[in-house]
Amino acid sequence: MSCILIVRELLGGLYFGEPRGFSGEDGTPAAFNTMRYSIDEIERVAHVAFAAARKRRNKVTSVDKANVLETSQLWRKTVSRVAESYADVELDHLYVDACAMHLITNPRRFDVVLTENLFGDILSDEAAAITGRSACSDRRLLEVK
């Protein structure tokens, strides 16, 4: 398996969005979370992914769920705009469910995977299970300035 680098936004998204909590009416418990991303948050992590791709195989796969989530629609639009500054790097977009399938069936199609916090949490665990250790078998840390 080739080395896959997963660049995951770690400070925002569903894990940290506000408001969040528990509520309930008429004795029926309910819970809610908020997924929120700003253009600045997306741009920051996108630049990291594209810079990393330039040191590797020049390919970024941006993972979202833009068919149903407004945050993912903003994610896709913003990443596409950032990609214009990296003409030498190929960009493709995948929905998270399709990415999960391709990680298992064709992991060599990936170089740098760029995604938001929740999706990155899940996909990095899946990639680690595929290799038995980590998504990058030699455990290199890539320094991106």
N, C-alpha and C. Protein backbone atom coordinates (compact mmCIF):
# COMPACT_ATOMS: atom_id res chain seq x y z
N MET A 1 0.84 -1.19 0.00
CA MET A 1 0.00 0.00 0.00
C MET A 1 0.88 1.24 0.00
N SER A 2 0.49 2.22 -0.75
CA SER A 2 1.24 3.47 -0.77
C SER A 2 0.91 4.29 0.48
N CYS A 3 1.77 5.24 0.74
CA CYS A 3 1.61 6.10 1.90
C CYS A 3 0.52 7.14 1.63
N ILE A 4 -0.48 7.17 2.46
CA ILE A 4 -1.56 8.15 2.35
C ILE A 4 -1.41 9.14 3.49
N LEU A 5 -1.43 10.41 3.14
CA LEU A 5 -1.39 11.46 4.15
C LEU A 5 -2.80 12.03 4.29
N ILE A 6 -3.34 11.96 5.48
CA ILE A 6 -4.67 12.52 5.74
C ILE A 6 -4.48 13.83 6.49
N VAL A 7 -4.92 14.91 5.86
CA VAL A 7 -4.87 16.24 6.47
C VAL A 7 -6.28 16.54 6.95
N ARG A 8 -6.40 16.60 8.25
CA ARG A 8 -7.71 16.73 8.90
C ARG A 8 -7.78 18.03 9.68
N GLU A 9 -8.82 18.79 9.45
CA GLU A 9 -9.05 19.99 10.23
C GLU A 9 -9.39 19.55 11.65
N LEU A 10 -8.72 20.12 12.65
CA LEU A 10 -8.85 19.62 14.02
C LEU A 10 -9.50 20.58 15.01
N LEU A 11 -9.79 21.79 14.61
CA LEU A 11 -10.25 22.77 15.59
C LEU A 11 -11.72 23.13 15.47
N GLY A 12 -12.39 22.65 14.46
CA GLY A 12 -13.77 23.05 14.24
C GLY A 12 -14.67 21.88 13.95
N GLY A 13 -15.78 22.19 13.32
CA GLY A 13 -16.72 21.16 12.92
C GLY A 13 -17.63 20.71 14.04
N LEU A 14 -18.17 19.56 13.84
CA LEU A 14 -19.20 19.01 14.74
C LEU A 14 -18.71 18.81 16.17
N TYR A 15 -17.43 18.49 16.34
CA TYR A 15 -16.90 18.24 17.68
C TYR A 15 -16.87 19.49 18.55
N PHE A 16 -16.73 20.66 17.92
CA PHE A 16 -16.55 21.88 18.70
C PHE A 16 -17.61 22.94 18.43
N GLY A 17 -18.51 22.70 17.50
CA GLY A 17 -19.52 23.70 17.14
C GLY A 17 -20.50 23.99 18.27
N GLU A 18 -20.92 25.22 18.31
CA GLU A 18 -21.91 25.68 19.28
C GLU A 18 -23.11 26.23 18.52
N PRO A 19 -24.30 26.07 19.02
CA PRO A 19 -24.66 25.44 20.29
C PRO A 19 -24.64 23.91 20.20
N ARG A 20 -24.62 23.32 21.34
CA ARG A 20 -24.66 21.86 21.48
C ARG A 20 -25.32 21.56 22.82
N GLY A 21 -25.88 20.40 22.94
CA GLY A 21 -26.45 20.07 24.23
C GLY A 21 -27.60 19.10 24.17
N PHE A 22 -28.33 19.09 25.25
CA PHE A 22 -29.49 18.22 25.42
C PHE A 22 -30.72 19.08 25.62
N SER A 23 -31.81 18.61 25.14
CA SER A 23 -33.07 19.30 25.35
C SER A 23 -34.17 18.25 25.40
N GLY A 24 -35.34 18.70 25.48
CA GLY A 24 -36.45 17.76 25.47
C GLY A 24 -37.74 18.44 25.86
N GLU A 25 -38.78 18.02 25.22
CA GLU A 25 -40.11 18.52 25.53
C GLU A 25 -41.01 17.35 25.88
N ASP A 26 -41.91 17.57 26.77
CA ASP A 26 -42.87 16.55 27.17
C ASP A 26 -42.19 15.26 27.62
N GLY A 27 -41.03 15.39 28.28
CA GLY A 27 -40.34 14.22 28.80
C GLY A 27 -39.60 13.39 27.76
N THR A 28 -39.52 13.89 26.52
CA THR A 28 -38.82 13.16 25.47
C THR A 28 -37.43 13.76 25.28
N PRO A 29 -36.39 13.04 25.68
CA PRO A 29 -35.03 13.58 25.56
C PRO A 29 -34.61 13.73 24.10
N ALA A 30 -33.83 14.76 23.83
CA ALA A 30 -33.24 15.00 22.52
C ALA A 30 -31.86 15.58 22.73
N ALA A 31 -31.01 15.48 21.71
CA ALA A 31 -29.66 16.04 21.76
C ALA A 31 -29.36 16.71 20.43
N PHE A 32 -28.45 17.69 20.44
CA PHE A 32 -28.11 18.38 19.21
C PHE A 32 -26.66 18.84 19.23
N ASN A 33 -26.07 18.88 18.04
CA ASN A 33 -24.73 19.40 17.83
C ASN A 33 -24.78 20.31 16.62
N THR A 34 -23.78 21.16 16.48
CA THR A 34 -23.71 22.11 15.38
C THR A 34 -22.40 21.93 14.63
N MET A 35 -22.50 21.75 13.32
CA MET A 35 -21.31 21.71 12.49
C MET A 35 -21.18 23.07 11.82
N ARG A 36 -20.04 23.72 12.07
CA ARG A 36 -19.83 25.06 11.52
C ARG A 36 -18.38 25.17 11.07
N TYR A 37 -18.20 25.74 9.86
CA TYR A 37 -16.87 26.05 9.35
C TYR A 37 -16.88 27.42 8.72
N SER A 38 -15.78 28.14 8.87
CA SER A 38 -15.61 29.43 8.20
C SER A 38 -14.67 29.24 7.01
N ILE A 39 -14.69 30.18 6.10
CA ILE A 39 -13.79 30.14 4.96
C ILE A 39 -12.34 30.13 5.43
N ASP A 40 -12.02 30.94 6.44
CA ASP A 40 -10.65 31.00 6.95
C ASP A 40 -10.18 29.65 7.48
N GLU A 41 -11.03 28.95 8.21
CA GLU A 41 -10.66 27.63 8.73
C GLU A 41 -10.38 26.65 7.60
N ILE A 42 -11.22 26.67 6.58
CA ILE A 42 -11.06 25.75 5.46
C ILE A 42 -9.81 26.11 4.66
N GLU A 43 -9.61 27.39 4.39
CA GLU A 43 -8.43 27.81 3.63
C GLU A 43 -7.14 27.40 4.32
N ARG A 44 -7.10 27.58 5.64
CA ARG A 44 -5.89 27.25 6.40
C ARG A 44 -5.49 25.79 6.19
N VAL A 45 -6.41 24.88 6.36
CA VAL A 45 -6.08 23.46 6.25
C VAL A 45 -5.89 23.06 4.79
N ALA A 46 -6.58 23.70 3.88
CA ALA A 46 -6.41 23.40 2.44
C ALA A 46 -5.00 23.75 1.99
N HIS A 47 -4.48 24.90 2.42
CA HIS A 47 -3.11 25.27 2.05
C HIS A 47 -2.10 24.25 2.59
N VAL A 48 -2.32 23.74 3.77
CA VAL A 48 -1.44 22.71 4.32
C VAL A 48 -1.46 21.47 3.42
N ALA A 49 -2.64 21.04 3.00
CA ALA A 49 -2.76 19.85 2.16
C ALA A 49 -2.09 20.04 0.80
N PHE A 50 -2.31 21.18 0.17
CA PHE A 50 -1.72 21.42 -1.15
C PHE A 50 -0.21 21.55 -1.07
N ALA A 51 0.30 22.20 -0.04
CA ALA A 51 1.75 22.31 0.14
C ALA A 51 2.36 20.93 0.36
N ALA A 52 1.69 20.09 1.11
CA ALA A 52 2.17 18.72 1.34
C ALA A 52 2.16 17.92 0.05
N ALA A 53 1.11 18.08 -0.73
CA ALA A 53 1.00 17.34 -2.00
C ALA A 53 2.14 17.69 -2.95
N ARG A 54 2.59 18.94 -2.91
CA ARG A 54 3.72 19.36 -3.76
C ARG A 54 5.00 18.61 -3.42
N LYS A 55 5.11 18.10 -2.21
CA LYS A 55 6.29 17.35 -1.78
C LYS A 55 6.10 15.85 -1.98
N ARG A 56 4.96 15.49 -2.53
CA ARG A 56 4.62 14.07 -2.68
C ARG A 56 4.28 13.79 -4.15
N ARG A 57 3.07 13.32 -4.41
CA ARG A 57 2.66 12.94 -5.77
C ARG A 57 1.74 13.97 -6.44
N ASN A 58 1.63 15.16 -5.86
CA ASN A 58 0.86 16.26 -6.47
C ASN A 58 -0.62 15.94 -6.69
N LYS A 59 -1.22 15.32 -5.69
CA LYS A 59 -2.65 15.03 -5.79
C LYS A 59 -3.32 15.23 -4.43
N VAL A 60 -4.42 15.98 -4.43
CA VAL A 60 -5.24 16.17 -3.23
C VAL A 60 -6.64 15.65 -3.53
N THR A 61 -7.15 14.83 -2.63
CA THR A 61 -8.54 14.41 -2.69
C THR A 61 -9.25 15.07 -1.52
N SER A 62 -10.18 15.97 -1.83
CA SER A 62 -10.96 16.66 -0.80
C SER A 62 -12.22 15.84 -0.54
N VAL A 63 -12.47 15.58 0.72
CA VAL A 63 -13.58 14.71 1.11
C VAL A 63 -14.62 15.52 1.87
N ASP A 64 -15.87 15.39 1.44
CA ASP A 64 -16.97 16.14 2.05
C ASP A 64 -18.27 15.36 1.88
N LYS A 65 -19.36 15.99 2.19
CA LYS A 65 -20.70 15.44 1.95
C LYS A 65 -21.56 16.57 1.40
N ALA A 66 -21.06 17.18 0.30
CA ALA A 66 -21.68 18.38 -0.27
C ALA A 66 -23.06 18.13 -0.87
N ASN A 67 -23.43 16.88 -1.03
CA ASN A 67 -24.77 16.61 -1.56
C ASN A 67 -25.87 16.83 -0.52
N VAL A 68 -25.49 16.91 0.77
CA VAL A 68 -26.52 17.11 1.81
C VAL A 68 -26.15 18.13 2.89
N LEU A 69 -24.88 18.52 2.99
CA LEU A 69 -24.47 19.42 4.08
C LEU A 69 -24.01 20.77 3.53
N GLU A 70 -24.57 21.84 4.06
CA GLU A 70 -24.16 23.18 3.65
C GLU A 70 -22.70 23.45 4.01
N THR A 71 -22.24 22.95 5.15
CA THR A 71 -20.83 23.14 5.50
C THR A 71 -19.93 22.48 4.47
N SER A 72 -20.33 21.35 3.96
CA SER A 72 -19.56 20.67 2.93
C SER A 72 -19.62 21.40 1.59
N GLN A 73 -20.72 22.05 1.32
CA GLN A 73 -20.80 22.85 0.10
C GLN A 73 -19.81 24.01 0.16
N LEU A 74 -19.73 24.67 1.33
CA LEU A 74 -18.75 25.73 1.52
C LEU A 74 -17.33 25.15 1.45
N TRP A 75 -17.13 24.00 2.06
CA TRP A 75 -15.84 23.32 2.04
C TRP A 75 -15.39 23.09 0.60
N ARG A 76 -16.24 22.51 -0.22
CA ARG A 76 -15.90 22.17 -1.60
C ARG A 76 -15.59 23.42 -2.41
N LYS A 77 -16.42 24.43 -2.27
CA LYS A 77 -16.22 25.69 -3.00
C LYS A 77 -14.90 26.35 -2.60
N THR A 78 -14.61 26.37 -1.31
CA THR A 78 -13.39 27.01 -0.81
C THR A 78 -12.15 26.24 -1.24
N VAL A 79 -12.17 24.93 -1.12
CA VAL A 79 -11.02 24.11 -1.53
C VAL A 79 -10.78 24.27 -3.03
N SER A 80 -11.82 24.31 -3.82
CA SER A 80 -11.66 24.50 -5.27
C SER A 80 -11.01 25.84 -5.57
N ARG A 81 -11.39 26.87 -4.83
CA ARG A 81 -10.79 28.19 -5.03
C ARG A 81 -9.32 28.18 -4.62
N VAL A 82 -8.98 27.55 -3.49
CA VAL A 82 -7.59 27.46 -3.05
C VAL A 82 -6.76 26.69 -4.09
N ALA A 83 -7.34 25.67 -4.68
CA ALA A 83 -6.64 24.84 -5.67
C ALA A 83 -6.15 25.64 -6.86
N GLU A 84 -6.82 26.74 -7.17
CA GLU A 84 -6.41 27.58 -8.29
C GLU A 84 -5.00 28.14 -8.09
N SER A 85 -4.55 28.24 -6.86
CA SER A 85 -3.19 28.72 -6.57
C SER A 85 -2.15 27.60 -6.64
N TYR A 86 -2.60 26.39 -6.89
CA TYR A 86 -1.71 25.23 -6.95
C TYR A 86 -1.99 24.47 -8.25
N ALA A 87 -1.70 25.12 -9.38
CA ALA A 87 -2.03 24.55 -10.69
C ALA A 87 -1.30 23.23 -10.95
N ASP A 88 -0.17 23.01 -10.28
CA ASP A 88 0.60 21.79 -10.46
C ASP A 88 0.06 20.61 -9.64
N VAL A 89 -0.94 20.86 -8.81
CA VAL A 89 -1.51 19.80 -7.97
C VAL A 89 -2.90 19.45 -8.47
N GLU A 90 -3.12 18.18 -8.70
CA GLU A 90 -4.43 17.69 -9.13
C GLU A 90 -5.38 17.65 -7.94
N LEU A 91 -6.60 18.12 -8.16
CA LEU A 91 -7.63 18.08 -7.11
C LEU A 91 -8.80 17.26 -7.59
N ASP A 92 -9.26 16.37 -6.74
CA ASP A 92 -10.56 15.75 -6.98
C ASP A 92 -11.35 15.78 -5.69
N HIS A 93 -12.65 15.66 -5.82
CA HIS A 93 -13.57 15.69 -4.69
C HIS A 93 -14.28 14.34 -4.60
N LEU A 94 -14.46 13.87 -3.38
CA LEU A 94 -15.23 12.65 -3.13
C LEU A 94 -16.16 12.89 -1.95
N TYR A 95 -17.33 12.29 -2.02
CA TYR A 95 -18.18 12.24 -0.84
C TYR A 95 -17.55 11.26 0.14
N VAL A 96 -17.77 11.48 1.41
CA VAL A 96 -17.10 10.69 2.44
C VAL A 96 -17.43 9.20 2.33
N ASP A 97 -18.65 8.85 1.97
CA ASP A 97 -18.99 7.44 1.85
C ASP A 97 -18.24 6.78 0.69
N ALA A 98 -18.10 7.50 -0.42
CA ALA A 98 -17.34 6.97 -1.55
C ALA A 98 -15.86 6.85 -1.19
N CYS A 99 -15.34 7.83 -0.46
CA CYS A 99 -13.94 7.78 -0.04
C CYS A 99 -13.69 6.57 0.85
N ALA A 100 -14.59 6.31 1.77
CA ALA A 100 -14.43 5.16 2.66
C ALA A 100 -14.36 3.86 1.86
N MET A 101 -15.18 3.74 0.83
CA MET A 101 -15.17 2.55 -0.02
C MET A 101 -13.85 2.46 -0.79
N HIS A 102 -13.40 3.58 -1.39
CA HIS A 102 -12.17 3.57 -2.19
C HIS A 102 -10.94 3.32 -1.33
N LEU A 103 -10.94 3.76 -0.07
CA LEU A 103 -9.81 3.45 0.80
C LEU A 103 -9.62 1.95 0.95
N ILE A 104 -10.71 1.21 0.93
CA ILE A 104 -10.63 -0.24 1.06
C ILE A 104 -10.35 -0.91 -0.28
N THR A 105 -11.04 -0.47 -1.33
CA THR A 105 -10.95 -1.16 -2.62
C THR A 105 -9.79 -0.70 -3.49
N ASN A 106 -9.33 0.56 -3.33
CA ASN A 106 -8.27 1.08 -4.19
C ASN A 106 -7.47 2.17 -3.47
N PRO A 107 -6.78 1.84 -2.39
CA PRO A 107 -6.08 2.86 -1.61
C PRO A 107 -4.98 3.58 -2.38
N ARG A 108 -4.45 2.96 -3.42
CA ARG A 108 -3.37 3.59 -4.19
C ARG A 108 -3.83 4.81 -4.98
N ARG A 109 -5.13 5.02 -5.09
CA ARG A 109 -5.62 6.19 -5.81
C ARG A 109 -5.39 7.48 -5.02
N PHE A 110 -5.05 7.35 -3.73
CA PHE A 110 -4.91 8.51 -2.86
C PHE A 110 -3.46 8.90 -2.65
N ASP A 111 -3.24 10.19 -2.50
CA ASP A 111 -1.97 10.73 -2.07
C ASP A 111 -2.23 11.52 -0.79
N VAL A 112 -2.78 12.74 -0.92
CA VAL A 112 -3.16 13.55 0.24
C VAL A 112 -4.68 13.62 0.28
N VAL A 113 -5.24 13.24 1.40
CA VAL A 113 -6.69 13.33 1.63
C VAL A 113 -6.92 14.51 2.56
N LEU A 114 -7.76 15.43 2.12
CA LEU A 114 -8.08 16.64 2.88
C LEU A 114 -9.53 16.56 3.30
N THR A 115 -9.79 16.75 4.61
CA THR A 115 -11.17 16.65 5.06
C THR A 115 -11.37 17.36 6.39
N GLU A 116 -12.64 17.48 6.76
CA GLU A 116 -12.99 18.13 8.02
C GLU A 116 -12.83 17.14 9.18
N ASN A 117 -13.07 17.63 10.37
CA ASN A 117 -12.72 16.93 11.59
C ASN A 117 -13.40 15.56 11.74
N LEU A 118 -14.70 15.51 11.69
CA LEU A 118 -15.43 14.25 11.90
C LEU A 118 -15.05 13.21 10.84
N PHE A 119 -15.08 13.62 9.57
CA PHE A 119 -14.76 12.67 8.50
C PHE A 119 -13.31 12.20 8.62
N GLY A 120 -12.40 13.12 8.97
CA GLY A 120 -11.00 12.75 9.13
C GLY A 120 -10.78 11.78 10.27
N ASP A 121 -11.53 11.94 11.33
CA ASP A 121 -11.45 11.02 12.47
C ASP A 121 -11.77 9.60 12.01
N ILE A 122 -12.84 9.45 11.28
CA ILE A 122 -13.28 8.14 10.83
C ILE A 122 -12.36 7.57 9.76
N LEU A 123 -12.03 8.38 8.75
CA LEU A 123 -11.21 7.89 7.64
C LEU A 123 -9.80 7.54 8.06
N SER A 124 -9.22 8.29 8.99
CA SER A 124 -7.87 7.97 9.45
C SER A 124 -7.85 6.65 10.22
N ASP A 125 -8.90 6.37 10.98
CA ASP A 125 -8.99 5.07 11.66
C ASP A 125 -9.13 3.94 10.65
N GLU A 126 -9.93 4.18 9.62
CA GLU A 126 -10.09 3.16 8.57
C GLU A 126 -8.77 2.91 7.86
N ALA A 127 -8.07 3.98 7.49
CA ALA A 127 -6.79 3.83 6.80
C ALA A 127 -5.78 3.09 7.69
N ALA A 128 -5.80 3.37 8.98
CA ALA A 128 -4.90 2.68 9.89
C ALA A 128 -5.19 1.19 9.94
N ALA A 129 -6.45 0.83 9.91
CA ALA A 129 -6.83 -0.58 9.95
C ALA A 129 -6.39 -1.31 8.69
N ILE A 130 -6.39 -0.62 7.57
CA ILE A 130 -6.00 -1.24 6.30
C ILE A 130 -4.55 -1.69 6.35
N THR A 131 -3.68 -0.85 6.89
CA THR A 131 -2.25 -1.19 6.94
C THR A 131 -1.88 -1.98 8.18
N GLY A 132 -2.75 -1.97 9.18
CA GLY A 132 -2.45 -2.65 10.43
C GLY A 132 -1.70 -1.79 11.42
N ARG A 133 -1.26 -0.60 10.99
CA ARG A 133 -0.54 0.30 11.89
C ARG A 133 -0.99 1.73 11.71
N SER A 134 -0.75 2.27 10.53
CA SER A 134 -1.09 3.66 10.28
C SER A 134 -1.30 3.87 8.79
N ALA A 135 -1.89 4.98 8.44
CA ALA A 135 -2.12 5.28 7.03
C ALA A 135 -0.81 5.51 6.29
N CYS A 136 0.25 5.79 6.99
CA CYS A 136 1.57 5.95 6.40
C CYS A 136 2.48 4.94 7.08
N SER A 137 2.80 3.88 6.40
CA SER A 137 3.46 2.73 7.04
C SER A 137 4.82 3.05 7.63
N ASP A 138 5.53 4.06 7.13
CA ASP A 138 6.83 4.36 7.70
C ASP A 138 6.76 5.42 8.79
N ARG A 139 5.57 5.90 9.13
CA ARG A 139 5.32 6.81 10.25
C ARG A 139 6.08 8.13 10.15
N ARG A 140 6.37 8.59 8.92
CA ARG A 140 7.04 9.88 8.76
C ARG A 140 6.09 11.01 9.14
N LEU A 141 6.65 12.04 9.73
CA LEU A 141 5.91 13.28 9.99
C LEU A 141 6.33 14.28 8.94
N LEU A 142 5.38 14.87 8.27
CA LEU A 142 5.67 15.82 7.23
C LEU A 142 5.57 17.23 7.79
N GLU A 143 6.67 17.96 7.71
CA GLU A 143 6.66 19.34 8.19
C GLU A 143 6.23 20.25 7.06
N VAL A 144 5.16 20.98 7.29
CA VAL A 144 4.63 21.91 6.29
C VAL A 144 4.71 23.31 6.86
N LYS A 145 5.41 24.19 6.16
CA LYS A 145 5.56 25.57 6.63
C LYS A 145 4.62 26.48 5.89
